[in-house]
Amino acid sequence: MNKIIPIWLIIFTITHVSFSQSVSQKELKTASKYLRKSHEDLLKLTKGLNDEQLTFKPSETEWSIIECITHITKVEEVVWGIIQKAEELSEDALNKKITDLEVMNQIESREKKFNAPPSLKPSEAGEKTYQELINELDQKRNRLMNYLNTTTINLRTYGSKNPVLGFIDVYQWALFSGAHMKRHTKQIEEIMVSNGFKSL
């Protein structure tokens, strides 16, 4: 049985740490590709779904597709806010740091379920249309990718404590964004093969 644990307190302690390595051009290309692919996969999977399919819930306690997308959109904005504070960091961070691959694998995996806080839950059904959400995600993802490729700060120097992963640097926060989208794309895939969905 999957263990349900809380995912956020949404009070992030922003910290500073000195690392000798910086982000290479290869890493920037890897992150850009990862962010682009996760976004494309979500769009491809959900494009053309009708309103009944978008709002279908496998059970009373599970989210619909439109609610998953709403949640993704909210988390994208939270991550962006964290990344934007990178140059304001002042405190020493924890010395230990997980690898980029661990960030992606742990967040992508659906083996462990997390409870989102109220601020990141889709509070009202239909609060935004599918197209409004997709347009918003397009803007947010393009903004993040542009930042990665134009910022002059060392993305390995700055970071903050993630309540699930521990301390991760700004580059890893970007990977987190892609992994989180992939995680919920998998959730949408689960919805689409559940009983009742295909008859809609």
N, C-alpha and C. Protein backbone atom coordinates (compact mmCIF):
# COMPACT_ATOMS: atom_id res chain seq x y z
N MET A 1 0.85 -1.19 0.00
CA MET A 1 0.00 0.00 0.00
C MET A 1 0.89 1.25 0.00
N ASN A 2 0.55 2.23 -0.85
CA ASN A 2 1.34 3.45 -0.91
C ASN A 2 1.12 4.28 0.33
N LYS A 3 2.17 4.79 0.89
CA LYS A 3 2.10 5.61 2.09
C LYS A 3 1.82 7.05 1.71
N ILE A 4 0.81 7.65 2.32
CA ILE A 4 0.45 9.03 2.04
C ILE A 4 1.21 9.93 3.01
N ILE A 5 2.00 10.85 2.47
CA ILE A 5 2.73 11.76 3.33
C ILE A 5 2.57 13.19 2.81
N PRO A 6 2.63 14.19 3.70
CA PRO A 6 2.49 15.58 3.25
C PRO A 6 3.67 15.99 2.40
N ILE A 7 3.43 16.80 1.35
CA ILE A 7 4.51 17.17 0.44
C ILE A 7 5.11 18.54 0.75
N TRP A 8 4.29 19.50 1.14
CA TRP A 8 4.85 20.85 1.32
C TRP A 8 4.38 21.46 2.64
N LEU A 9 5.10 22.37 3.13
CA LEU A 9 4.62 23.32 4.12
C LEU A 9 4.49 24.68 3.45
N ILE A 10 5.08 24.77 2.25
CA ILE A 10 5.10 26.00 1.45
C ILE A 10 5.68 27.17 2.25
N ILE A 11 6.59 26.83 3.13
CA ILE A 11 7.42 27.88 3.74
C ILE A 11 8.85 27.44 3.49
N PHE A 12 9.44 27.94 2.44
CA PHE A 12 10.75 27.49 2.04
C PHE A 12 11.84 28.34 2.67
N THR A 13 12.80 27.68 3.30
CA THR A 13 13.96 28.37 3.85
C THR A 13 14.98 28.53 2.74
N ILE A 14 15.16 29.73 2.27
CA ILE A 14 16.09 29.98 1.17
C ILE A 14 17.50 30.07 1.75
N THR A 15 18.42 29.36 1.12
CA THR A 15 19.77 29.26 1.68
C THR A 15 20.83 29.41 0.60
N HIS A 16 22.04 29.66 1.01
CA HIS A 16 23.16 29.82 0.10
C HIS A 16 24.25 28.81 0.44
N VAL A 17 24.88 28.28 -0.59
CA VAL A 17 25.98 27.35 -0.38
C VAL A 17 26.97 27.53 -1.51
N SER A 18 28.21 27.31 -1.25
CA SER A 18 29.24 27.43 -2.27
C SER A 18 29.60 26.06 -2.82
N PHE A 19 29.47 25.89 -4.11
CA PHE A 19 29.88 24.67 -4.79
C PHE A 19 30.96 25.04 -5.81
N SER A 20 31.88 24.14 -6.02
CA SER A 20 32.97 24.42 -6.93
C SER A 20 32.53 24.31 -8.38
N GLN A 21 31.53 23.43 -8.64
CA GLN A 21 31.14 23.23 -10.03
C GLN A 21 30.08 24.23 -10.47
N SER A 22 30.04 24.51 -11.74
CA SER A 22 29.00 25.35 -12.32
C SER A 22 28.24 24.50 -13.33
N VAL A 23 27.16 25.06 -13.85
CA VAL A 23 26.36 24.33 -14.83
C VAL A 23 27.02 24.42 -16.20
N SER A 24 27.24 23.27 -16.81
CA SER A 24 27.86 23.23 -18.12
C SER A 24 26.83 23.45 -19.22
N GLN A 25 27.29 23.72 -20.42
CA GLN A 25 26.38 23.86 -21.56
C GLN A 25 25.63 22.56 -21.81
N LYS A 26 26.29 21.44 -21.59
CA LYS A 26 25.64 20.15 -21.76
C LYS A 26 24.48 19.99 -20.78
N GLU A 27 24.70 20.43 -19.54
CA GLU A 27 23.64 20.34 -18.53
C GLU A 27 22.47 21.26 -18.87
N LEU A 28 22.79 22.45 -19.38
CA LEU A 28 21.73 23.36 -19.79
C LEU A 28 20.89 22.78 -20.92
N LYS A 29 21.55 22.12 -21.87
CA LYS A 29 20.83 21.49 -22.97
C LYS A 29 19.99 20.33 -22.45
N THR A 30 20.53 19.59 -21.48
CA THR A 30 19.80 18.47 -20.89
C THR A 30 18.53 18.97 -20.20
N ALA A 31 18.66 20.03 -19.42
CA ALA A 31 17.51 20.59 -18.71
C ALA A 31 16.47 21.13 -19.68
N SER A 32 16.93 21.84 -20.71
CA SER A 32 16.00 22.40 -21.69
C SER A 32 15.23 21.30 -22.41
N LYS A 33 15.94 20.24 -22.78
CA LYS A 33 15.31 19.12 -23.45
C LYS A 33 14.30 18.44 -22.54
N TYR A 34 14.66 18.27 -21.29
CA TYR A 34 13.80 17.62 -20.31
C TYR A 34 12.53 18.44 -20.07
N LEU A 35 12.69 19.73 -19.91
CA LEU A 35 11.55 20.62 -19.70
C LEU A 35 10.64 20.65 -20.93
N ARG A 36 11.25 20.71 -22.10
CA ARG A 36 10.46 20.74 -23.34
C ARG A 36 9.70 19.44 -23.55
N LYS A 37 10.38 18.30 -23.31
CA LYS A 37 9.76 17.00 -23.54
C LYS A 37 8.61 16.75 -22.56
N SER A 38 8.78 17.10 -21.30
CA SER A 38 7.72 16.90 -20.32
C SER A 38 6.49 17.72 -20.68
N HIS A 39 6.72 18.93 -21.17
CA HIS A 39 5.62 19.80 -21.58
C HIS A 39 4.92 19.25 -22.82
N GLU A 40 5.69 18.84 -23.79
CA GLU A 40 5.11 18.28 -25.02
C GLU A 40 4.30 17.02 -24.75
N ASP A 41 4.80 16.18 -23.86
CA ASP A 41 4.10 14.93 -23.54
C ASP A 41 2.74 15.21 -22.91
N LEU A 42 2.69 16.19 -22.03
CA LEU A 42 1.41 16.55 -21.40
C LEU A 42 0.42 17.07 -22.43
N LEU A 43 0.89 17.95 -23.31
CA LEU A 43 0.01 18.51 -24.34
C LEU A 43 -0.50 17.43 -25.29
N LYS A 44 0.39 16.56 -25.71
CA LYS A 44 0.03 15.49 -26.63
C LYS A 44 -1.01 14.55 -26.02
N LEU A 45 -0.86 14.26 -24.74
CA LEU A 45 -1.76 13.33 -24.06
C LEU A 45 -3.15 13.92 -23.87
N THR A 46 -3.24 15.20 -23.61
CA THR A 46 -4.52 15.80 -23.23
C THR A 46 -5.22 16.55 -24.36
N LYS A 47 -4.53 16.79 -25.46
CA LYS A 47 -5.13 17.53 -26.57
C LYS A 47 -6.34 16.78 -27.14
N GLY A 48 -7.43 17.49 -27.33
CA GLY A 48 -8.62 16.91 -27.95
C GLY A 48 -9.58 16.24 -26.99
N LEU A 49 -9.27 16.20 -25.71
CA LEU A 49 -10.20 15.59 -24.75
C LEU A 49 -11.42 16.48 -24.57
N ASN A 50 -12.58 15.85 -24.43
CA ASN A 50 -13.80 16.63 -24.24
C ASN A 50 -14.00 16.98 -22.76
N ASP A 51 -15.01 17.79 -22.49
CA ASP A 51 -15.23 18.27 -21.13
C ASP A 51 -15.51 17.13 -20.15
N GLU A 52 -16.24 16.13 -20.59
CA GLU A 52 -16.53 14.99 -19.72
C GLU A 52 -15.26 14.23 -19.36
N GLN A 53 -14.39 14.08 -20.33
CA GLN A 53 -13.13 13.39 -20.07
C GLN A 53 -12.22 14.21 -19.16
N LEU A 54 -12.19 15.51 -19.38
CA LEU A 54 -11.34 16.39 -18.58
C LEU A 54 -11.77 16.45 -17.12
N THR A 55 -13.06 16.29 -16.86
CA THR A 55 -13.58 16.42 -15.49
C THR A 55 -13.89 15.08 -14.84
N PHE A 56 -13.65 13.99 -15.55
CA PHE A 56 -13.91 12.65 -15.00
C PHE A 56 -12.97 12.33 -13.85
N LYS A 57 -13.53 11.78 -12.77
CA LYS A 57 -12.75 11.36 -11.61
C LYS A 57 -12.91 9.85 -11.42
N PRO A 58 -11.80 9.12 -11.33
CA PRO A 58 -11.89 7.68 -11.11
C PRO A 58 -12.60 7.34 -9.79
N SER A 59 -12.49 8.23 -8.81
CA SER A 59 -13.17 8.05 -7.52
C SER A 59 -13.37 9.43 -6.90
N GLU A 60 -14.13 9.47 -5.82
CA GLU A 60 -14.42 10.74 -5.18
C GLU A 60 -13.17 11.39 -4.59
N THR A 61 -12.18 10.60 -4.26
CA THR A 61 -10.97 11.12 -3.62
C THR A 61 -9.84 11.42 -4.60
N GLU A 62 -10.02 11.09 -5.86
CA GLU A 62 -8.97 11.30 -6.86
C GLU A 62 -9.28 12.51 -7.73
N TRP A 63 -8.23 13.11 -8.26
CA TRP A 63 -8.39 14.28 -9.11
C TRP A 63 -8.79 13.90 -10.51
N SER A 64 -9.41 14.87 -11.17
CA SER A 64 -9.69 14.75 -12.60
C SER A 64 -8.48 15.24 -13.38
N ILE A 65 -8.53 15.09 -14.70
CA ILE A 65 -7.43 15.56 -15.56
C ILE A 65 -7.28 17.08 -15.45
N ILE A 66 -8.40 17.79 -15.49
CA ILE A 66 -8.32 19.25 -15.43
C ILE A 66 -7.78 19.69 -14.07
N GLU A 67 -8.07 18.94 -13.02
CA GLU A 67 -7.54 19.28 -11.71
C GLU A 67 -6.04 19.01 -11.63
N CYS A 68 -5.58 17.95 -12.28
CA CYS A 68 -4.14 17.68 -12.35
C CYS A 68 -3.41 18.82 -13.04
N ILE A 69 -3.97 19.29 -14.15
CA ILE A 69 -3.34 20.38 -14.90
C ILE A 69 -3.36 21.67 -14.09
N THR A 70 -4.45 21.91 -13.37
CA THR A 70 -4.53 23.08 -12.50
C THR A 70 -3.43 23.04 -11.44
N HIS A 71 -3.25 21.88 -10.84
CA HIS A 71 -2.21 21.70 -9.82
C HIS A 71 -0.82 21.92 -10.41
N ILE A 72 -0.56 21.37 -11.59
CA ILE A 72 0.73 21.56 -12.25
C ILE A 72 1.01 23.05 -12.44
N THR A 73 0.00 23.78 -12.89
CA THR A 73 0.14 25.21 -13.15
C THR A 73 0.50 25.97 -11.87
N LYS A 74 -0.16 25.60 -10.78
CA LYS A 74 0.12 26.27 -9.51
C LYS A 74 1.53 25.98 -9.01
N VAL A 75 1.98 24.74 -9.15
CA VAL A 75 3.32 24.39 -8.71
C VAL A 75 4.38 25.08 -9.57
N GLU A 76 4.11 25.19 -10.87
CA GLU A 76 5.05 25.89 -11.76
C GLU A 76 5.31 27.31 -11.25
N GLU A 77 4.24 27.97 -10.79
CA GLU A 77 4.40 29.34 -10.32
C GLU A 77 5.16 29.39 -9.00
N VAL A 78 4.93 28.42 -8.12
CA VAL A 78 5.66 28.36 -6.85
C VAL A 78 7.15 28.16 -7.12
N VAL A 79 7.47 27.23 -8.01
CA VAL A 79 8.88 26.95 -8.33
C VAL A 79 9.54 28.19 -8.94
N TRP A 80 8.82 28.87 -9.80
CA TRP A 80 9.36 30.09 -10.39
C TRP A 80 9.67 31.13 -9.32
N GLY A 81 8.79 31.26 -8.34
CA GLY A 81 9.02 32.20 -7.26
C GLY A 81 10.27 31.86 -6.46
N ILE A 82 10.49 30.56 -6.24
CA ILE A 82 11.69 30.12 -5.52
C ILE A 82 12.94 30.44 -6.32
N ILE A 83 12.91 30.14 -7.61
CA ILE A 83 14.07 30.39 -8.47
C ILE A 83 14.38 31.88 -8.55
N GLN A 84 13.33 32.70 -8.58
CA GLN A 84 13.54 34.13 -8.68
C GLN A 84 14.20 34.72 -7.44
N LYS A 85 14.12 34.01 -6.31
CA LYS A 85 14.74 34.49 -5.07
C LYS A 85 16.20 34.05 -4.95
N ALA A 86 16.69 33.38 -5.96
CA ALA A 86 18.03 32.79 -5.88
C ALA A 86 19.10 33.80 -5.48
N GLU A 87 19.03 34.99 -6.05
CA GLU A 87 20.08 35.99 -5.80
C GLU A 87 19.90 36.71 -4.46
N GLU A 88 18.84 36.37 -3.72
CA GLU A 88 18.61 36.98 -2.43
C GLU A 88 19.07 36.07 -1.29
N LEU A 89 19.65 34.92 -1.63
CA LEU A 89 20.01 33.94 -0.61
C LEU A 89 21.09 34.48 0.32
N SER A 90 20.97 34.11 1.60
CA SER A 90 21.93 34.65 2.56
C SER A 90 22.44 33.64 3.58
N GLU A 91 21.69 32.58 3.83
CA GLU A 91 22.09 31.63 4.87
C GLU A 91 22.84 30.44 4.26
N ASP A 92 23.66 29.80 5.08
CA ASP A 92 24.39 28.61 4.63
C ASP A 92 23.43 27.43 4.50
N ALA A 93 23.58 26.69 3.42
CA ALA A 93 22.72 25.53 3.19
C ALA A 93 23.32 24.28 3.81
N LEU A 94 22.54 23.23 3.83
CA LEU A 94 23.05 21.94 4.28
C LEU A 94 24.15 21.49 3.33
N ASN A 95 25.12 20.77 3.86
CA ASN A 95 26.24 20.34 3.03
C ASN A 95 25.87 19.22 2.06
N LYS A 96 24.91 18.39 2.45
CA LYS A 96 24.55 17.28 1.60
C LYS A 96 23.62 17.73 0.48
N LYS A 97 23.77 17.09 -0.68
CA LYS A 97 22.96 17.47 -1.85
C LYS A 97 22.76 16.23 -2.72
N ILE A 98 21.53 15.97 -3.12
CA ILE A 98 21.26 14.81 -3.95
C ILE A 98 21.62 15.10 -5.40
N THR A 99 21.73 14.07 -6.20
CA THR A 99 22.13 14.23 -7.59
C THR A 99 20.95 14.67 -8.45
N ASP A 100 21.26 15.16 -9.63
CA ASP A 100 20.22 15.57 -10.57
C ASP A 100 19.31 14.39 -10.91
N LEU A 101 19.90 13.23 -11.13
CA LEU A 101 19.12 12.05 -11.49
C LEU A 101 18.17 11.66 -10.36
N GLU A 102 18.62 11.79 -9.12
CA GLU A 102 17.76 11.47 -7.98
C GLU A 102 16.59 12.43 -7.90
N VAL A 103 16.82 13.70 -8.19
CA VAL A 103 15.73 14.68 -8.22
C VAL A 103 14.65 14.24 -9.20
N MET A 104 15.07 13.91 -10.40
CA MET A 104 14.12 13.52 -11.44
C MET A 104 13.41 12.21 -11.11
N ASN A 105 14.17 11.22 -10.69
CA ASN A 105 13.59 9.90 -10.43
C ASN A 105 12.62 9.91 -9.26
N GLN A 106 12.99 10.60 -8.18
CA GLN A 106 12.15 10.60 -7.00
C GLN A 106 10.83 11.33 -7.22
N ILE A 107 10.87 12.41 -7.98
CA ILE A 107 9.64 13.18 -8.21
C ILE A 107 8.79 12.55 -9.31
N GLU A 108 9.41 12.02 -10.34
CA GLU A 108 8.64 11.36 -11.40
C GLU A 108 7.88 10.14 -10.90
N SER A 109 8.48 9.40 -10.00
CA SER A 109 7.92 8.13 -9.55
C SER A 109 6.55 8.30 -8.91
N ARG A 110 5.63 7.38 -9.26
CA ARG A 110 4.30 7.40 -8.67
C ARG A 110 4.17 6.36 -7.55
N GLU A 111 5.28 5.76 -7.17
CA GLU A 111 5.23 4.73 -6.14
C GLU A 111 4.84 5.31 -4.78
N LYS A 112 5.28 6.51 -4.50
CA LYS A 112 4.93 7.17 -3.25
C LYS A 112 4.01 8.35 -3.55
N LYS A 113 2.91 8.41 -2.84
CA LYS A 113 1.94 9.48 -3.07
C LYS A 113 2.15 10.59 -2.03
N PHE A 114 1.84 11.82 -2.43
CA PHE A 114 2.00 12.97 -1.56
C PHE A 114 0.69 13.73 -1.46
N ASN A 115 0.46 14.36 -0.32
CA ASN A 115 -0.69 15.24 -0.16
C ASN A 115 -0.28 16.68 -0.43
N ALA A 116 -0.89 17.29 -1.43
CA ALA A 116 -0.60 18.69 -1.71
C ALA A 116 -1.28 19.57 -0.67
N PRO A 117 -0.67 20.69 -0.30
CA PRO A 117 -1.31 21.62 0.64
C PRO A 117 -2.49 22.31 -0.04
N PRO A 118 -3.39 22.88 0.73
CA PRO A 118 -4.57 23.55 0.16
C PRO A 118 -4.24 24.58 -0.91
N SER A 119 -3.12 25.30 -0.73
CA SER A 119 -2.77 26.36 -1.68
C SER A 119 -2.41 25.82 -3.06
N LEU A 120 -2.04 24.53 -3.14
CA LEU A 120 -1.66 23.95 -4.43
C LEU A 120 -2.70 22.97 -4.96
N LYS A 121 -3.80 22.84 -4.25
CA LYS A 121 -4.87 21.99 -4.73
C LYS A 121 -5.79 22.79 -5.65
N PRO A 122 -6.42 22.12 -6.64
CA PRO A 122 -7.42 22.81 -7.47
C PRO A 122 -8.66 23.06 -6.62
N SER A 123 -8.79 24.26 -6.09
CA SER A 123 -9.81 24.54 -5.08
C SER A 123 -11.23 24.51 -5.62
N GLU A 124 -11.38 24.89 -6.86
CA GLU A 124 -12.73 24.93 -7.44
C GLU A 124 -12.71 24.26 -8.80
N ALA A 125 -13.65 23.34 -9.01
CA ALA A 125 -13.76 22.67 -10.31
C ALA A 125 -14.07 23.70 -11.39
N GLY A 126 -13.31 23.64 -12.47
CA GLY A 126 -13.59 24.54 -13.58
C GLY A 126 -13.17 25.97 -13.32
N GLU A 127 -12.21 26.20 -12.39
CA GLU A 127 -11.80 27.57 -12.11
C GLU A 127 -11.14 28.22 -13.33
N LYS A 128 -10.53 27.39 -14.19
CA LYS A 128 -10.01 27.85 -15.47
C LYS A 128 -10.30 26.78 -16.52
N THR A 129 -10.45 27.22 -17.75
CA THR A 129 -10.69 26.26 -18.81
C THR A 129 -9.39 25.54 -19.17
N TYR A 130 -9.53 24.42 -19.88
CA TYR A 130 -8.37 23.68 -20.33
C TYR A 130 -7.44 24.57 -21.15
N GLN A 131 -7.99 25.30 -22.10
CA GLN A 131 -7.14 26.12 -22.96
C GLN A 131 -6.47 27.24 -22.20
N GLU A 132 -7.16 27.81 -21.22
CA GLU A 132 -6.55 28.85 -20.40
C GLU A 132 -5.36 28.29 -19.62
N LEU A 133 -5.53 27.09 -19.08
CA LEU A 133 -4.45 26.46 -18.34
C LEU A 133 -3.26 26.13 -19.24
N ILE A 134 -3.55 25.61 -20.43
CA ILE A 134 -2.48 25.26 -21.37
C ILE A 134 -1.72 26.51 -21.80
N ASN A 135 -2.44 27.58 -22.08
CA ASN A 135 -1.78 28.83 -22.46
C ASN A 135 -0.89 29.33 -21.32
N GLU A 136 -1.37 29.18 -20.09
CA GLU A 136 -0.59 29.60 -18.92
C GLU A 136 0.65 28.74 -18.75
N LEU A 137 0.49 27.43 -18.95
CA LEU A 137 1.64 26.53 -18.85
C LEU A 137 2.68 26.82 -19.92
N ASP A 138 2.22 27.10 -21.12
CA ASP A 138 3.14 27.46 -22.21
C ASP A 138 4.00 28.65 -21.80
N GLN A 139 3.35 29.66 -21.25
CA GLN A 139 4.07 30.88 -20.85
C GLN A 139 5.04 30.60 -19.73
N LYS A 140 4.62 29.82 -18.74
CA LYS A 140 5.46 29.54 -17.59
C LYS A 140 6.67 28.68 -17.98
N ARG A 141 6.44 27.70 -18.82
CA ARG A 141 7.55 26.82 -19.21
C ARG A 141 8.55 27.56 -20.10
N ASN A 142 8.06 28.38 -21.02
CA ASN A 142 8.96 29.17 -21.86
C ASN A 142 9.76 30.16 -21.02
N ARG A 143 9.13 30.72 -20.01
CA ARG A 143 9.81 31.66 -19.11
C ARG A 143 10.95 30.99 -18.36
N LEU A 144 10.71 29.79 -17.88
CA LEU A 144 11.74 29.05 -17.15
C LEU A 144 12.89 28.66 -18.05
N MET A 145 12.59 28.16 -19.24
CA MET A 145 13.63 27.75 -20.17
C MET A 145 14.47 28.95 -20.60
N ASN A 146 13.83 30.08 -20.81
CA ASN A 146 14.56 31.30 -21.18
C ASN A 146 15.48 31.74 -20.05
N TYR A 147 14.99 31.63 -18.83
CA TYR A 147 15.81 32.00 -17.67
C TYR A 147 17.06 31.13 -17.59
N LEU A 148 16.90 29.84 -17.75
CA LEU A 148 18.04 28.93 -17.66
C LEU A 148 19.13 29.28 -18.67
N ASN A 149 18.70 29.70 -19.83
CA ASN A 149 19.65 29.94 -20.92
C ASN A 149 20.17 31.37 -20.99
N THR A 150 19.66 32.25 -20.13
CA THR A 150 20.10 33.65 -20.19
C THR A 150 20.64 34.18 -18.87
N THR A 151 20.34 33.51 -17.75
CA THR A 151 20.80 34.03 -16.47
C THR A 151 22.32 34.02 -16.38
N THR A 152 22.85 34.98 -15.64
CA THR A 152 24.29 35.08 -15.47
C THR A 152 24.75 34.51 -14.12
N ILE A 153 23.81 34.09 -13.27
CA ILE A 153 24.22 33.55 -11.96
C ILE A 153 24.62 32.09 -12.10
N ASN A 154 25.41 31.63 -11.17
CA ASN A 154 25.80 30.22 -11.13
C ASN A 154 24.64 29.43 -10.53
N LEU A 155 24.00 28.62 -11.32
CA LEU A 155 22.82 27.89 -10.87
C LEU A 155 23.14 26.81 -9.85
N ARG A 156 24.42 26.50 -9.68
CA ARG A 156 24.85 25.53 -8.68
C ARG A 156 25.19 26.20 -7.35
N THR A 157 25.33 27.49 -7.35
CA THR A 157 25.72 28.21 -6.14
C THR A 157 24.53 28.46 -5.22
N TYR A 158 23.36 28.66 -5.82
CA TYR A 158 22.19 29.03 -5.04
C TYR A 158 21.16 27.91 -5.02
N GLY A 159 20.37 27.88 -3.96
CA GLY A 159 19.34 26.87 -3.87
C GLY A 159 18.47 27.06 -2.65
N SER A 160 17.60 26.11 -2.39
CA SER A 160 16.74 26.18 -1.22
C SER A 160 16.32 24.78 -0.80
N LYS A 161 15.77 24.68 0.39
CA LYS A 161 15.37 23.40 0.94
C LYS A 161 13.99 22.99 0.41
N ASN A 162 13.95 21.85 -0.23
CA ASN A 162 12.70 21.26 -0.69
C ASN A 162 12.24 20.28 0.39
N PRO A 163 10.99 20.34 0.84
CA PRO A 163 10.54 19.50 1.94
C PRO A 163 10.54 18.01 1.64
N VAL A 164 10.62 17.64 0.38
CA VAL A 164 10.68 16.22 -0.01
C VAL A 164 12.11 15.79 -0.28
N LEU A 165 12.87 16.62 -0.98
CA LEU A 165 14.20 16.24 -1.46
C LEU A 165 15.34 16.76 -0.60
N GLY A 166 15.06 17.68 0.29
CA GLY A 166 16.13 18.34 1.01
C GLY A 166 16.66 19.51 0.20
N PHE A 167 17.91 19.92 0.45
CA PHE A 167 18.46 21.06 -0.28
C PHE A 167 18.73 20.71 -1.73
N ILE A 168 18.22 21.53 -2.63
CA ILE A 168 18.52 21.39 -4.06
C ILE A 168 18.86 22.76 -4.63
N ASP A 169 19.74 22.78 -5.60
CA ASP A 169 20.16 24.06 -6.18
C ASP A 169 19.16 24.53 -7.24
N VAL A 170 19.39 25.72 -7.76
CA VAL A 170 18.45 26.32 -8.71
C VAL A 170 18.29 25.45 -9.96
N TYR A 171 19.39 24.92 -10.44
CA TYR A 171 19.32 24.03 -11.60
C TYR A 171 18.42 22.84 -11.30
N GLN A 172 18.53 22.29 -10.11
CA GLN A 172 17.72 21.14 -9.74
C GLN A 172 16.25 21.52 -9.53
N TRP A 173 16.00 22.75 -9.11
CA TRP A 173 14.62 23.21 -9.03
C TRP A 173 13.98 23.21 -10.41
N ALA A 174 14.76 23.57 -11.43
CA ALA A 174 14.24 23.52 -12.80
C ALA A 174 13.93 22.09 -13.20
N LEU A 175 14.83 21.16 -12.84
CA LEU A 175 14.58 19.75 -13.12
C LEU A 175 13.35 19.27 -12.35
N PHE A 176 13.20 19.74 -11.13
CA PHE A 176 12.03 19.40 -10.33
C PHE A 176 10.74 19.78 -11.06
N SER A 177 10.74 20.95 -11.68
CA SER A 177 9.57 21.42 -12.42
C SER A 177 9.20 20.45 -13.53
N GLY A 178 10.20 20.01 -14.29
CA GLY A 178 9.95 19.04 -15.35
C GLY A 178 9.49 17.70 -14.80
N ALA A 179 10.13 17.24 -13.72
CA ALA A 179 9.78 15.95 -13.13
C ALA A 179 8.38 15.97 -12.55
N HIS A 180 8.00 17.09 -11.94
CA HIS A 180 6.66 17.21 -11.38
C HIS A 180 5.60 17.12 -12.47
N MET A 181 5.87 17.75 -13.61
CA MET A 181 4.93 17.67 -14.73
C MET A 181 4.84 16.24 -15.25
N LYS A 182 5.97 15.55 -15.34
CA LYS A 182 5.97 14.17 -15.80
C LYS A 182 5.21 13.27 -14.81
N ARG A 183 5.37 13.55 -13.53
CA ARG A 183 4.68 12.77 -12.49
C ARG A 183 3.16 12.81 -12.71
N HIS A 184 2.65 14.02 -12.95
CA HIS A 184 1.20 14.15 -13.10
C HIS A 184 0.72 13.78 -14.49
N THR A 185 1.61 13.79 -15.46
CA THR A 185 1.25 13.23 -16.76
C THR A 185 1.01 11.72 -16.61
N LYS A 186 1.82 11.08 -15.79
CA LYS A 186 1.61 9.66 -15.49
C LYS A 186 0.27 9.46 -14.78
N GLN A 187 -0.06 10.38 -13.88
CA GLN A 187 -1.33 10.29 -13.18
C GLN A 187 -2.50 10.41 -14.18
N ILE A 188 -2.36 11.30 -15.13
CA ILE A 188 -3.39 11.46 -16.16
C ILE A 188 -3.52 10.19 -16.98
N GLU A 189 -2.41 9.56 -17.29
CA GLU A 189 -2.44 8.28 -18.00
C GLU A 189 -3.22 7.23 -17.21
N GLU A 190 -3.04 7.24 -15.89
CA GLU A 190 -3.77 6.31 -15.03
C GLU A 190 -5.27 6.59 -15.08
N ILE A 191 -5.64 7.85 -15.11
CA ILE A 191 -7.05 8.23 -15.20
C ILE A 191 -7.65 7.72 -16.51
N MET A 192 -6.89 7.85 -17.59
CA MET A 192 -7.40 7.53 -18.92
C MET A 192 -7.57 6.03 -19.16
N VAL A 193 -6.98 5.19 -18.31
CA VAL A 193 -7.18 3.76 -18.44
C VAL A 193 -8.07 3.21 -17.33
N SER A 194 -8.63 4.10 -16.52
CA SER A 194 -9.50 3.66 -15.42
C SER A 194 -10.88 3.33 -15.92
N ASN A 195 -11.62 2.57 -15.14
CA ASN A 195 -12.97 2.18 -15.50
C ASN A 195 -13.86 3.41 -15.68
N GLY A 196 -14.57 3.45 -16.74
CA GLY A 196 -15.51 4.54 -16.99
C GLY A 196 -14.99 5.62 -17.91
N PHE A 197 -13.68 5.77 -18.03
CA PHE A 197 -13.17 6.87 -18.83
C PHE A 197 -13.40 6.64 -20.32
N LYS A 198 -13.12 5.46 -20.81
CA LYS A 198 -13.18 5.21 -22.25
C LYS A 198 -14.59 5.32 -22.82
N SER A 199 -15.58 5.22 -21.98
CA SER A 199 -16.98 5.32 -22.46
C SER A 199 -17.44 6.76 -22.60
N LEU A 200 -16.62 7.69 -22.18
CA LEU A 200 -17.01 9.11 -22.22
C LEU A 200 -16.83 9.69 -23.61
